[in-house]
Amino acid sequence: MTGLLVLTAVPAEAEAVCAGVADSTVTVRAVGVGPAVAGAATARLLALAEAADRPYRAVVSVGIGGGFVGRVAVGATVLGSRSVAADLGAESPEGFLPIDELGMPPELLGGGPVVEADEELLAALRAALPHATVGEILTVSTVTGTAASTAALADRHPAAVAEAMEGYGVAVAAAQAGLPFAELRTISNPVGPRDRGAWRMREAFSALTEAARALR
């Protein structure tokens, strides 16, 4: 068995992680933006490793993301207690309906719209990152960009601290492979109306490098 597989969306995130990890047992790969491509790429990497008789021992989705105002600050580090497919479902006159409330057989849901973080892996990351905020990390295919959608999302997910675009896809691939999973994000901007002037990318990447030391 080989070491830890760490997946980011883009190369800049992978470079920031590598700057904080000096451990040959940690493999860092950028797998693309969005839950579909991230999940597919993760599944391929895991299958190739298993076929080579060198399976990974755990998987972590890592990168930057948006944070919910009042729950986590820009520049902070967050750990996902679980990864949630926040926009997987259906609209209705009564509001959004999660996919697991639509009457589909459980076997068609791949475990449902929520993947819990592995308890032992999360505990190890919490011990290494005692100042990190722990809560749900939402996976969305469309980044939240209006006050109304932000309020609706925050109301539906009172335990959510951040949103990103890959965690749930990576989580499902890890679960299908029977591997422990966790998600780590650093916050570059508040979730809400799109305001590039409020983004703090440099601070988020610096925080990502520092947080990545916990992956050694």
N, C-alpha and C. Protein backbone atom coordinates (compact mmCIF):
# COMPACT_ATOMS: atom_id res chain seq x y z
N MET A 1 0.85 -1.19 0.00
CA MET A 1 0.00 0.00 0.00
C MET A 1 0.88 1.24 0.00
N THR A 2 0.51 2.22 -0.83
CA THR A 2 1.26 3.47 -0.88
C THR A 2 0.64 4.46 0.08
N GLY A 3 1.00 5.74 -0.04
CA GLY A 3 0.58 6.73 0.93
C GLY A 3 -0.72 7.43 0.61
N LEU A 4 -0.72 8.71 0.88
CA LEU A 4 -1.90 9.54 0.78
C LEU A 4 -2.04 10.12 -0.62
N LEU A 5 -3.26 10.11 -1.17
CA LEU A 5 -3.53 10.75 -2.45
C LEU A 5 -4.25 12.06 -2.18
N VAL A 6 -3.64 13.16 -2.60
CA VAL A 6 -4.19 14.50 -2.37
C VAL A 6 -4.60 15.08 -3.72
N LEU A 7 -5.87 15.46 -3.86
CA LEU A 7 -6.41 15.95 -5.13
C LEU A 7 -6.79 17.41 -5.01
N THR A 8 -6.31 18.22 -5.95
CA THR A 8 -6.74 19.61 -6.08
C THR A 8 -7.46 19.78 -7.40
N ALA A 9 -8.07 20.94 -7.59
CA ALA A 9 -8.73 21.21 -8.86
C ALA A 9 -7.73 21.69 -9.90
N VAL A 10 -6.92 22.69 -9.54
CA VAL A 10 -6.05 23.34 -10.53
C VAL A 10 -4.58 23.22 -10.12
N PRO A 11 -3.67 23.38 -11.09
CA PRO A 11 -2.25 23.25 -10.79
C PRO A 11 -1.74 24.23 -9.74
N ALA A 12 -2.28 25.46 -9.70
CA ALA A 12 -1.82 26.43 -8.70
C ALA A 12 -2.07 25.92 -7.29
N GLU A 13 -3.19 25.24 -7.08
CA GLU A 13 -3.47 24.66 -5.76
C GLU A 13 -2.49 23.52 -5.47
N ALA A 14 -2.24 22.69 -6.48
CA ALA A 14 -1.30 21.58 -6.29
C ALA A 14 0.09 22.10 -5.94
N GLU A 15 0.52 23.18 -6.59
CA GLU A 15 1.83 23.76 -6.30
C GLU A 15 1.88 24.29 -4.87
N ALA A 16 0.79 24.92 -4.42
CA ALA A 16 0.75 25.43 -3.05
C ALA A 16 0.83 24.29 -2.04
N VAL A 17 0.14 23.19 -2.33
CA VAL A 17 0.18 22.02 -1.44
C VAL A 17 1.58 21.43 -1.43
N CYS A 18 2.17 21.26 -2.58
CA CYS A 18 3.51 20.66 -2.67
C CYS A 18 4.54 21.50 -1.92
N ALA A 19 4.34 22.82 -1.89
CA ALA A 19 5.27 23.69 -1.17
C ALA A 19 5.25 23.42 0.33
N GLY A 20 4.14 22.86 0.82
CA GLY A 20 4.04 22.57 2.25
C GLY A 20 4.27 21.11 2.60
N VAL A 21 4.33 20.24 1.59
CA VAL A 21 4.49 18.80 1.83
C VAL A 21 5.84 18.36 1.29
N ALA A 22 6.67 17.86 2.16
CA ALA A 22 7.96 17.30 1.73
C ALA A 22 7.98 15.84 2.19
N ASP A 23 7.13 15.06 1.55
CA ASP A 23 6.94 13.67 1.98
C ASP A 23 6.70 12.82 0.74
N SER A 24 7.58 11.89 0.50
CA SER A 24 7.47 11.05 -0.70
C SER A 24 6.28 10.11 -0.67
N THR A 25 5.64 9.95 0.49
CA THR A 25 4.47 9.07 0.57
C THR A 25 3.17 9.81 0.24
N VAL A 26 3.27 11.12 -0.03
CA VAL A 26 2.09 11.91 -0.38
C VAL A 26 2.14 12.23 -1.87
N THR A 27 1.10 11.82 -2.60
CA THR A 27 0.98 12.10 -4.03
C THR A 27 -0.03 13.21 -4.23
N VAL A 28 0.37 14.27 -4.93
CA VAL A 28 -0.50 15.42 -5.16
C VAL A 28 -0.79 15.52 -6.65
N ARG A 29 -2.07 15.60 -7.01
CA ARG A 29 -2.47 15.70 -8.41
C ARG A 29 -3.58 16.75 -8.57
N ALA A 30 -3.49 17.54 -9.64
CA ALA A 30 -4.59 18.42 -10.02
C ALA A 30 -5.48 17.66 -10.99
N VAL A 31 -6.78 17.55 -10.66
CA VAL A 31 -7.66 16.68 -11.43
C VAL A 31 -8.77 17.41 -12.19
N GLY A 32 -8.83 18.73 -12.09
CA GLY A 32 -9.83 19.45 -12.85
C GLY A 32 -10.92 20.07 -11.99
N VAL A 33 -11.70 20.95 -12.63
CA VAL A 33 -12.70 21.75 -11.93
C VAL A 33 -14.09 21.12 -12.06
N GLY A 34 -14.79 21.04 -10.94
CA GLY A 34 -16.14 20.51 -10.94
C GLY A 34 -16.21 19.08 -10.44
N PRO A 35 -17.36 18.67 -9.89
CA PRO A 35 -17.46 17.34 -9.28
C PRO A 35 -17.36 16.19 -10.27
N ALA A 36 -17.83 16.37 -11.50
CA ALA A 36 -17.81 15.26 -12.46
C ALA A 36 -16.39 14.91 -12.88
N VAL A 37 -15.64 15.91 -13.35
CA VAL A 37 -14.28 15.62 -13.81
C VAL A 37 -13.38 15.22 -12.64
N ALA A 38 -13.58 15.84 -11.47
CA ALA A 38 -12.76 15.49 -10.31
C ALA A 38 -13.04 14.06 -9.86
N GLY A 39 -14.30 13.67 -9.86
CA GLY A 39 -14.65 12.31 -9.46
C GLY A 39 -14.13 11.28 -10.44
N ALA A 40 -14.26 11.57 -11.75
CA ALA A 40 -13.80 10.63 -12.76
C ALA A 40 -12.28 10.47 -12.71
N ALA A 41 -11.57 11.59 -12.58
CA ALA A 41 -10.11 11.52 -12.53
C ALA A 41 -9.63 10.81 -11.28
N THR A 42 -10.29 11.06 -10.16
CA THR A 42 -9.92 10.38 -8.92
C THR A 42 -10.13 8.88 -9.05
N ALA A 43 -11.26 8.48 -9.60
CA ALA A 43 -11.55 7.06 -9.77
C ALA A 43 -10.49 6.40 -10.65
N ARG A 44 -10.06 7.08 -11.70
CA ARG A 44 -9.02 6.52 -12.59
C ARG A 44 -7.70 6.36 -11.85
N LEU A 45 -7.29 7.37 -11.09
CA LEU A 45 -6.04 7.28 -10.34
C LEU A 45 -6.09 6.13 -9.33
N LEU A 46 -7.21 5.98 -8.66
CA LEU A 46 -7.35 4.91 -7.67
C LEU A 46 -7.34 3.53 -8.34
N ALA A 47 -8.00 3.43 -9.49
CA ALA A 47 -8.03 2.15 -10.21
C ALA A 47 -6.65 1.77 -10.72
N LEU A 48 -5.91 2.74 -11.26
CA LEU A 48 -4.56 2.47 -11.75
C LEU A 48 -3.65 2.03 -10.61
N ALA A 49 -3.77 2.68 -9.46
CA ALA A 49 -2.94 2.31 -8.32
C ALA A 49 -3.27 0.91 -7.83
N GLU A 50 -4.54 0.58 -7.81
CA GLU A 50 -4.95 -0.76 -7.38
C GLU A 50 -4.48 -1.82 -8.37
N ALA A 51 -4.58 -1.52 -9.66
CA ALA A 51 -4.14 -2.47 -10.68
C ALA A 51 -2.64 -2.73 -10.60
N ALA A 52 -1.90 -1.72 -10.16
CA ALA A 52 -0.45 -1.86 -10.01
C ALA A 52 -0.07 -2.46 -8.66
N ASP A 53 -1.08 -2.86 -7.89
CA ASP A 53 -0.87 -3.43 -6.55
C ASP A 53 -0.18 -2.43 -5.63
N ARG A 54 -0.50 -1.15 -5.83
CA ARG A 54 0.01 -0.09 -4.97
C ARG A 54 -1.13 0.85 -4.58
N PRO A 55 -2.17 0.31 -3.94
CA PRO A 55 -3.33 1.15 -3.61
C PRO A 55 -2.97 2.23 -2.59
N TYR A 56 -3.68 3.33 -2.68
CA TYR A 56 -3.50 4.40 -1.69
C TYR A 56 -4.20 4.03 -0.39
N ARG A 57 -3.77 4.65 0.69
CA ARG A 57 -4.37 4.35 1.99
C ARG A 57 -5.49 5.32 2.35
N ALA A 58 -5.52 6.51 1.71
CA ALA A 58 -6.57 7.49 1.99
C ALA A 58 -6.54 8.55 0.90
N VAL A 59 -7.63 9.32 0.81
CA VAL A 59 -7.79 10.37 -0.19
C VAL A 59 -8.24 11.65 0.49
N VAL A 60 -7.61 12.78 0.10
CA VAL A 60 -8.01 14.08 0.63
C VAL A 60 -8.22 15.06 -0.52
N SER A 61 -9.37 15.70 -0.54
CA SER A 61 -9.66 16.76 -1.50
C SER A 61 -9.22 18.08 -0.86
N VAL A 62 -8.36 18.82 -1.55
CA VAL A 62 -7.74 20.01 -0.97
C VAL A 62 -7.81 21.16 -1.96
N GLY A 63 -7.99 22.38 -1.47
CA GLY A 63 -7.98 23.54 -2.35
C GLY A 63 -8.50 24.77 -1.64
N ILE A 64 -8.78 25.80 -2.43
CA ILE A 64 -9.35 27.02 -1.87
C ILE A 64 -10.86 27.01 -2.14
N GLY A 65 -11.58 27.86 -1.42
CA GLY A 65 -13.02 27.90 -1.60
C GLY A 65 -13.60 29.14 -0.97
N GLY A 66 -14.91 29.26 -1.06
CA GLY A 66 -15.62 30.39 -0.45
C GLY A 66 -16.10 30.02 0.94
N GLY A 67 -16.13 30.99 1.82
CA GLY A 67 -16.58 30.76 3.20
C GLY A 67 -17.86 31.52 3.50
N PHE A 68 -18.72 30.92 4.31
CA PHE A 68 -19.98 31.57 4.69
C PHE A 68 -19.71 32.64 5.76
N VAL A 69 -20.16 33.85 5.47
CA VAL A 69 -19.94 34.98 6.36
C VAL A 69 -20.56 34.69 7.74
N GLY A 70 -19.81 34.98 8.78
CA GLY A 70 -20.28 34.73 10.14
C GLY A 70 -19.96 33.34 10.64
N ARG A 71 -19.49 32.48 9.74
CA ARG A 71 -19.16 31.11 10.13
C ARG A 71 -17.66 30.84 10.01
N VAL A 72 -17.01 31.51 9.05
CA VAL A 72 -15.57 31.34 8.87
C VAL A 72 -15.02 32.59 8.18
N ALA A 73 -13.80 32.96 8.53
CA ALA A 73 -13.21 34.18 7.99
C ALA A 73 -12.40 33.90 6.74
N VAL A 74 -12.26 34.91 5.90
CA VAL A 74 -11.38 34.81 4.74
C VAL A 74 -9.95 34.60 5.25
N GLY A 75 -9.24 33.66 4.61
CA GLY A 75 -7.89 33.33 5.03
C GLY A 75 -7.82 32.16 5.99
N ALA A 76 -8.98 31.73 6.50
CA ALA A 76 -9.02 30.63 7.46
C ALA A 76 -8.90 29.28 6.77
N THR A 77 -8.66 28.26 7.57
CA THR A 77 -8.62 26.87 7.10
C THR A 77 -9.84 26.14 7.62
N VAL A 78 -10.47 25.34 6.77
CA VAL A 78 -11.63 24.57 7.19
C VAL A 78 -11.43 23.09 6.86
N LEU A 79 -12.00 22.27 7.70
CA LEU A 79 -12.01 20.82 7.50
C LEU A 79 -13.46 20.37 7.38
N GLY A 80 -13.74 19.52 6.40
CA GLY A 80 -15.11 19.08 6.20
C GLY A 80 -15.49 17.93 7.12
N SER A 81 -16.51 18.13 7.91
CA SER A 81 -17.08 17.01 8.67
C SER A 81 -17.78 16.05 7.72
N ARG A 82 -18.27 16.62 6.63
CA ARG A 82 -18.83 15.83 5.54
C ARG A 82 -18.88 16.70 4.30
N SER A 83 -18.89 16.06 3.14
CA SER A 83 -18.96 16.75 1.86
C SER A 83 -20.36 16.56 1.29
N VAL A 84 -20.99 17.65 0.90
CA VAL A 84 -22.41 17.64 0.54
C VAL A 84 -22.61 18.11 -0.89
N ALA A 85 -23.31 17.33 -1.69
CA ALA A 85 -23.70 17.75 -3.05
C ALA A 85 -24.88 18.69 -2.92
N ALA A 86 -24.59 19.98 -2.73
CA ALA A 86 -25.62 20.93 -2.32
C ALA A 86 -26.64 21.25 -3.39
N ASP A 87 -26.28 21.09 -4.67
CA ASP A 87 -27.25 21.41 -5.73
C ASP A 87 -27.69 20.19 -6.51
N LEU A 88 -27.53 19.00 -5.92
CA LEU A 88 -27.99 17.77 -6.56
C LEU A 88 -29.41 17.47 -6.08
N GLY A 89 -30.38 17.71 -6.95
CA GLY A 89 -31.77 17.53 -6.55
C GLY A 89 -32.72 18.14 -7.56
N ALA A 90 -33.79 18.73 -7.08
CA ALA A 90 -34.79 19.30 -7.97
C ALA A 90 -35.40 20.55 -7.35
N GLU A 91 -35.78 21.50 -8.21
CA GLU A 91 -36.53 22.65 -7.75
C GLU A 91 -38.00 22.26 -7.63
N SER A 92 -38.71 22.95 -6.73
CA SER A 92 -40.15 22.74 -6.59
C SER A 92 -40.77 24.04 -6.10
N PRO A 93 -42.10 24.16 -6.19
CA PRO A 93 -42.74 25.38 -5.68
C PRO A 93 -42.46 25.61 -4.19
N GLU A 94 -42.19 24.52 -3.48
CA GLU A 94 -41.91 24.63 -2.04
C GLU A 94 -40.44 24.89 -1.75
N GLY A 95 -39.61 24.87 -2.80
CA GLY A 95 -38.19 25.08 -2.61
C GLY A 95 -37.38 23.91 -3.13
N PHE A 96 -36.09 23.91 -2.83
CA PHE A 96 -35.17 22.89 -3.32
C PHE A 96 -35.42 21.55 -2.64
N LEU A 97 -35.40 20.46 -3.43
CA LEU A 97 -35.57 19.11 -2.90
C LEU A 97 -34.27 18.33 -3.12
N PRO A 98 -33.59 17.90 -2.06
CA PRO A 98 -32.38 17.09 -2.23
C PRO A 98 -32.70 15.79 -2.96
N ILE A 99 -31.69 15.26 -3.62
CA ILE A 99 -31.88 14.08 -4.45
C ILE A 99 -32.43 12.89 -3.67
N ASP A 100 -32.08 12.77 -2.39
CA ASP A 100 -32.54 11.62 -1.62
C ASP A 100 -34.01 11.74 -1.20
N GLU A 101 -34.64 12.88 -1.47
CA GLU A 101 -36.06 13.04 -1.14
C GLU A 101 -36.96 12.86 -2.37
N LEU A 102 -36.38 12.42 -3.48
CA LEU A 102 -37.15 12.31 -4.72
C LEU A 102 -37.68 10.91 -4.97
N GLY A 103 -37.51 10.00 -4.01
CA GLY A 103 -38.07 8.66 -4.14
C GLY A 103 -37.25 7.69 -4.96
N MET A 104 -35.99 8.02 -5.24
CA MET A 104 -35.15 7.11 -6.00
C MET A 104 -34.60 6.01 -5.10
N PRO A 105 -34.40 4.80 -5.64
CA PRO A 105 -33.82 3.70 -4.84
C PRO A 105 -32.43 4.11 -4.34
N PRO A 106 -32.09 3.78 -3.10
CA PRO A 106 -30.80 4.18 -2.52
C PRO A 106 -29.60 3.74 -3.35
N GLU A 107 -29.70 2.57 -4.01
CA GLU A 107 -28.55 2.08 -4.78
C GLU A 107 -28.24 2.96 -5.98
N LEU A 108 -29.19 3.81 -6.40
CA LEU A 108 -28.94 4.71 -7.52
C LEU A 108 -28.34 6.04 -7.09
N LEU A 109 -28.20 6.24 -5.79
CA LEU A 109 -27.73 7.52 -5.28
C LEU A 109 -26.26 7.52 -4.90
N GLY A 110 -25.58 6.37 -5.06
CA GLY A 110 -24.15 6.33 -4.74
C GLY A 110 -23.85 6.69 -3.31
N GLY A 111 -24.77 6.37 -2.40
CA GLY A 111 -24.56 6.72 -1.00
C GLY A 111 -25.30 7.98 -0.59
N GLY A 112 -25.97 8.62 -1.54
CA GLY A 112 -26.73 9.81 -1.22
C GLY A 112 -25.92 11.08 -1.46
N PRO A 113 -26.52 12.23 -1.21
CA PRO A 113 -25.87 13.50 -1.51
C PRO A 113 -24.85 13.94 -0.45
N VAL A 114 -24.56 13.09 0.51
CA VAL A 114 -23.63 13.42 1.60
C VAL A 114 -22.63 12.29 1.78
N VAL A 115 -21.35 12.64 1.87
CA VAL A 115 -20.32 11.66 2.22
C VAL A 115 -19.63 12.14 3.49
N GLU A 116 -19.71 11.33 4.52
CA GLU A 116 -19.08 11.69 5.79
C GLU A 116 -17.57 11.56 5.70
N ALA A 117 -16.86 12.48 6.33
CA ALA A 117 -15.41 12.34 6.42
C ALA A 117 -15.06 11.15 7.30
N ASP A 118 -13.97 10.48 6.97
CA ASP A 118 -13.51 9.37 7.80
C ASP A 118 -13.14 9.90 9.18
N GLU A 119 -13.65 9.27 10.23
CA GLU A 119 -13.47 9.78 11.59
C GLU A 119 -12.00 9.85 11.99
N GLU A 120 -11.24 8.80 11.72
CA GLU A 120 -9.84 8.79 12.15
C GLU A 120 -9.02 9.79 11.35
N LEU A 121 -9.26 9.88 10.05
CA LEU A 121 -8.52 10.82 9.22
C LEU A 121 -8.84 12.25 9.63
N LEU A 122 -10.12 12.53 9.86
CA LEU A 122 -10.51 13.88 10.28
C LEU A 122 -9.91 14.21 11.64
N ALA A 123 -9.91 13.25 12.55
CA ALA A 123 -9.33 13.49 13.87
C ALA A 123 -7.84 13.81 13.77
N ALA A 124 -7.14 13.11 12.89
CA ALA A 124 -5.71 13.37 12.71
C ALA A 124 -5.48 14.77 12.16
N LEU A 125 -6.30 15.19 11.19
CA LEU A 125 -6.16 16.52 10.62
C LEU A 125 -6.52 17.59 11.65
N ARG A 126 -7.53 17.34 12.46
CA ARG A 126 -7.91 18.31 13.49
C ARG A 126 -6.79 18.47 14.52
N ALA A 127 -6.14 17.37 14.85
CA ALA A 127 -5.04 17.45 15.81
C ALA A 127 -3.87 18.25 15.24
N ALA A 128 -3.63 18.08 13.93
CA ALA A 128 -2.52 18.80 13.29
C ALA A 128 -2.88 20.25 12.97
N LEU A 129 -4.17 20.54 12.87
CA LEU A 129 -4.64 21.89 12.53
C LEU A 129 -5.66 22.34 13.58
N PRO A 130 -5.21 22.59 14.81
CA PRO A 130 -6.15 22.87 15.91
C PRO A 130 -6.96 24.15 15.72
N HIS A 131 -6.49 25.06 14.87
CA HIS A 131 -7.22 26.31 14.67
C HIS A 131 -8.18 26.25 13.48
N ALA A 132 -8.25 25.13 12.81
CA ALA A 132 -9.15 24.99 11.66
C ALA A 132 -10.60 24.93 12.13
N THR A 133 -11.48 25.48 11.31
CA THR A 133 -12.92 25.40 11.56
C THR A 133 -13.45 24.12 10.92
N VAL A 134 -14.26 23.39 11.67
CA VAL A 134 -14.81 22.12 11.18
C VAL A 134 -16.31 22.28 10.91
N GLY A 135 -16.75 21.83 9.76
CA GLY A 135 -18.16 21.89 9.42
C GLY A 135 -18.39 21.29 8.05
N GLU A 136 -19.61 21.35 7.58
CA GLU A 136 -19.90 20.83 6.25
C GLU A 136 -19.25 21.69 5.18
N ILE A 137 -18.72 21.05 4.15
CA ILE A 137 -18.25 21.75 2.97
C ILE A 137 -19.17 21.37 1.81
N LEU A 138 -19.80 22.37 1.23
CA LEU A 138 -20.75 22.13 0.15
C LEU A 138 -20.04 22.05 -1.19
N THR A 139 -20.45 21.11 -2.02
CA THR A 139 -19.97 21.02 -3.39
C THR A 139 -21.07 21.53 -4.30
N VAL A 140 -20.72 22.52 -5.15
CA VAL A 140 -21.69 23.09 -6.08
C VAL A 140 -21.11 23.06 -7.48
N SER A 141 -21.97 22.95 -8.47
CA SER A 141 -21.54 23.03 -9.86
C SER A 141 -21.58 24.46 -10.38
N THR A 142 -22.39 25.29 -9.72
CA THR A 142 -22.46 26.72 -10.03
C THR A 142 -22.13 27.48 -8.76
N VAL A 143 -21.05 28.26 -8.79
CA VAL A 143 -20.64 29.01 -7.61
C VAL A 143 -21.73 30.01 -7.23
N THR A 144 -22.05 30.07 -5.96
CA THR A 144 -23.09 30.97 -5.46
C THR A 144 -22.66 32.42 -5.66
N GLY A 145 -23.56 33.25 -6.23
CA GLY A 145 -23.15 34.60 -6.58
C GLY A 145 -24.17 35.69 -6.34
N THR A 146 -25.29 35.38 -5.67
CA THR A 146 -26.27 36.41 -5.35
C THR A 146 -26.62 36.33 -3.87
N ALA A 147 -27.14 37.42 -3.34
CA ALA A 147 -27.53 37.44 -1.93
C ALA A 147 -28.66 36.45 -1.67
N ALA A 148 -29.61 36.36 -2.61
CA ALA A 148 -30.75 35.47 -2.42
C ALA A 148 -30.32 34.01 -2.40
N SER A 149 -29.46 33.61 -3.35
CA SER A 149 -29.02 32.21 -3.39
C SER A 149 -28.13 31.88 -2.20
N THR A 150 -27.35 32.86 -1.75
CA THR A 150 -26.51 32.64 -0.57
C THR A 150 -27.38 32.40 0.66
N ALA A 151 -28.40 33.22 0.84
CA ALA A 151 -29.30 33.07 1.99
C ALA A 151 -30.02 31.73 1.95
N ALA A 152 -30.49 31.33 0.76
CA ALA A 152 -31.20 30.05 0.64
C ALA A 152 -30.27 28.89 0.95
N LEU A 153 -29.04 28.95 0.46
CA LEU A 153 -28.08 27.87 0.70
C LEU A 153 -27.70 27.79 2.17
N ALA A 154 -27.47 28.93 2.77
CA ALA A 154 -27.11 28.96 4.20
C ALA A 154 -28.25 28.44 5.06
N ASP A 155 -29.48 28.76 4.67
CA ASP A 155 -30.64 28.27 5.43
C ASP A 155 -30.79 26.76 5.31
N ARG A 156 -30.55 26.22 4.11
CA ARG A 156 -30.67 24.78 3.92
C ARG A 156 -29.55 24.01 4.62
N HIS A 157 -28.42 24.67 4.81
CA HIS A 157 -27.25 23.98 5.37
C HIS A 157 -26.66 24.80 6.52
N PRO A 158 -27.33 24.79 7.67
CA PRO A 158 -26.87 25.61 8.80
C PRO A 158 -25.51 25.19 9.35
N ALA A 159 -25.06 23.98 9.03
CA ALA A 159 -23.75 23.52 9.51
C ALA A 159 -22.64 23.74 8.49
N ALA A 160 -22.99 24.33 7.33
CA ALA A 160 -21.98 24.53 6.28
C ALA A 160 -21.07 25.70 6.63
N VAL A 161 -19.78 25.53 6.38
CA VAL A 161 -18.82 26.60 6.60
C VAL A 161 -18.22 27.10 5.29
N ALA A 162 -18.27 26.29 4.24
CA ALA A 162 -17.61 26.67 2.99
C ALA A 162 -18.29 25.97 1.82
N GLU A 163 -18.00 26.51 0.62
CA GLU A 163 -18.41 25.85 -0.61
C GLU A 163 -17.23 25.79 -1.57
N ALA A 164 -17.21 24.71 -2.36
CA ALA A 164 -16.19 24.52 -3.39
C ALA A 164 -16.86 23.70 -4.50
N MET A 165 -16.06 23.13 -5.42
CA MET A 165 -16.66 22.50 -6.58
C MET A 165 -16.24 21.05 -6.83
N GLU A 166 -15.40 20.48 -5.95
CA GLU A 166 -14.88 19.15 -6.26
C GLU A 166 -15.07 18.11 -5.16
N GLY A 167 -15.21 18.53 -3.92
CA GLY A 167 -15.14 17.60 -2.79
C GLY A 167 -16.03 16.38 -2.89
N TYR A 168 -17.32 16.60 -3.21
CA TYR A 168 -18.25 15.48 -3.26
C TYR A 168 -17.86 14.48 -4.34
N GLY A 169 -17.41 14.96 -5.50
CA GLY A 169 -17.00 14.05 -6.57
C GLY A 169 -15.83 13.18 -6.14
N VAL A 170 -14.83 13.79 -5.51
CA VAL A 170 -13.68 13.04 -5.01
C VAL A 170 -14.12 12.07 -3.91
N ALA A 171 -15.03 12.53 -3.05
CA ALA A 171 -15.51 11.71 -1.94
C ALA A 171 -16.20 10.45 -2.44
N VAL A 172 -17.03 10.58 -3.47
CA VAL A 172 -17.75 9.41 -4.00
C VAL A 172 -16.76 8.41 -4.59
N ALA A 173 -15.75 8.90 -5.30
CA ALA A 173 -14.74 8.00 -5.86
C ALA A 173 -14.00 7.25 -4.76
N ALA A 174 -13.65 7.96 -3.69
CA ALA A 174 -12.97 7.32 -2.56
C ALA A 174 -13.88 6.28 -1.90
N ALA A 175 -15.15 6.64 -1.72
CA ALA A 175 -16.08 5.71 -1.09
C ALA A 175 -16.27 4.45 -1.93
N GLN A 176 -16.36 4.62 -3.26
CA GLN A 176 -16.51 3.47 -4.14
C GLN A 176 -15.29 2.55 -4.06
N ALA A 177 -14.12 3.13 -3.76
CA ALA A 177 -12.90 2.34 -3.64
C ALA A 177 -12.68 1.83 -2.22
N GLY A 178 -13.58 2.19 -1.30
CA GLY A 178 -13.47 1.75 0.08
C GLY A 178 -12.34 2.40 0.85
N LEU A 179 -12.01 3.66 0.49
CA LEU A 179 -10.89 4.35 1.13
C LEU A 179 -11.37 5.50 2.02
N PRO A 180 -10.65 5.77 3.09
CA PRO A 180 -10.96 6.93 3.93
C PRO A 180 -10.84 8.23 3.13
N PHE A 181 -11.69 9.19 3.46
CA PHE A 181 -11.73 10.46 2.73
C PHE A 181 -11.87 11.61 3.70
N ALA A 182 -11.26 12.74 3.33
CA ALA A 182 -11.47 13.99 4.05
C ALA A 182 -11.33 15.15 3.07
N GLU A 183 -11.81 16.33 3.49
CA GLU A 183 -11.73 17.52 2.64
C GLU A 183 -11.16 18.67 3.45
N LEU A 184 -10.22 19.40 2.84
CA LEU A 184 -9.56 20.54 3.48
C LEU A 184 -9.60 21.72 2.52
N ARG A 185 -10.01 22.88 3.02
CA ARG A 185 -10.07 24.08 2.19
C ARG A 185 -9.51 25.27 2.96
N THR A 186 -8.93 26.22 2.22
CA THR A 186 -8.64 27.53 2.79
C THR A 186 -9.51 28.55 2.07
N ILE A 187 -9.90 29.60 2.78
CA ILE A 187 -10.95 30.49 2.32
C ILE A 187 -10.37 31.71 1.62
N SER A 188 -10.75 31.88 0.36
CA SER A 188 -10.26 33.00 -0.44
C SER A 188 -11.26 34.15 -0.55
N ASN A 189 -12.53 33.87 -0.27
CA ASN A 189 -13.56 34.89 -0.46
C ASN A 189 -14.82 34.50 0.29
N PRO A 190 -15.66 35.48 0.61
CA PRO A 190 -16.94 35.15 1.21
C PRO A 190 -17.90 34.61 0.16
N VAL A 191 -18.73 33.65 0.55
CA VAL A 191 -19.80 33.20 -0.33
C VAL A 191 -20.81 34.34 -0.45
N GLY A 192 -21.21 34.66 -1.67
CA GLY A 192 -22.17 35.75 -1.85
C GLY A 192 -22.01 36.44 -3.18
N PRO A 193 -22.56 37.63 -3.32
CA PRO A 193 -22.46 38.37 -4.57
C PRO A 193 -21.01 38.47 -5.03
N ARG A 194 -20.80 38.21 -6.31
CA ARG A 194 -19.45 38.13 -6.86
C ARG A 194 -18.74 39.48 -6.78
N ASP A 195 -17.63 39.53 -6.06
CA ASP A 195 -16.88 40.77 -5.86
C ASP A 195 -15.40 40.42 -5.87
N ARG A 196 -14.77 40.53 -7.05
CA ARG A 196 -13.36 40.16 -7.17
C ARG A 196 -12.46 40.96 -6.22
N GLY A 197 -12.88 42.18 -5.90
CA GLY A 197 -12.09 43.01 -5.01
C GLY A 197 -12.02 42.46 -3.59
N ALA A 198 -12.97 41.59 -3.24
CA ALA A 198 -12.99 41.01 -1.89
C ALA A 198 -12.23 39.69 -1.82
N TRP A 199 -11.75 39.20 -2.96
CA TRP A 199 -11.03 37.93 -2.96
C TRP A 199 -9.61 38.13 -2.43
N ARG A 200 -9.14 37.19 -1.66
CA ARG A 200 -7.79 37.24 -1.09
C ARG A 200 -7.06 35.95 -1.48
N MET A 201 -6.75 35.85 -2.77
CA MET A 201 -6.15 34.63 -3.29
C MET A 201 -4.77 34.38 -2.70
N ARG A 202 -3.96 35.42 -2.61
CA ARG A 202 -2.61 35.24 -2.09
C ARG A 202 -2.65 34.69 -0.67
N GLU A 203 -3.53 35.26 0.16
CA GLU A 203 -3.64 34.79 1.53
C GLU A 203 -4.14 33.34 1.58
N ALA A 204 -5.08 33.01 0.70
CA ALA A 204 -5.62 31.65 0.68
C ALA A 204 -4.57 30.64 0.25
N PHE A 205 -3.77 30.97 -0.76
CA PHE A 205 -2.72 30.06 -1.20
C PHE A 205 -1.64 29.91 -0.13
N SER A 206 -1.31 31.00 0.54
CA SER A 206 -0.33 30.92 1.62
C SER A 206 -0.84 30.04 2.75
N ALA A 207 -2.13 30.20 3.09
CA ALA A 207 -2.74 29.36 4.12
C ALA A 207 -2.79 27.91 3.69
N LEU A 208 -2.98 27.67 2.38
CA LEU A 208 -3.03 26.30 1.87
C LEU A 208 -1.67 25.62 2.03
N THR A 209 -0.60 26.35 1.73
CA THR A 209 0.74 25.78 1.91
C THR A 209 0.98 25.44 3.38
N GLU A 210 0.58 26.33 4.26
CA GLU A 210 0.78 26.08 5.70
C GLU A 210 -0.06 24.89 6.16
N ALA A 211 -1.32 24.83 5.72
CA ALA A 211 -2.20 23.74 6.13
C ALA A 211 -1.72 22.40 5.58
N ALA A 212 -1.10 22.43 4.40
CA ALA A 212 -0.64 21.18 3.77
C ALA A 212 0.43 20.45 4.59
N ARG A 213 1.07 21.17 5.50
CA ARG A 213 2.06 20.51 6.36
C ARG A 213 1.42 19.40 7.19
N ALA A 214 0.10 19.53 7.41
CA ALA A 214 -0.61 18.52 8.19
C ALA A 214 -0.76 17.22 7.42
N LEU A 215 -0.50 17.23 6.11
CA LEU A 215 -0.68 16.04 5.29
C LEU A 215 0.55 15.15 5.28
N ARG A 216 1.63 15.58 5.90
CA ARG A 216 2.84 14.77 5.91
C ARG A 216 2.68 13.54 6.79
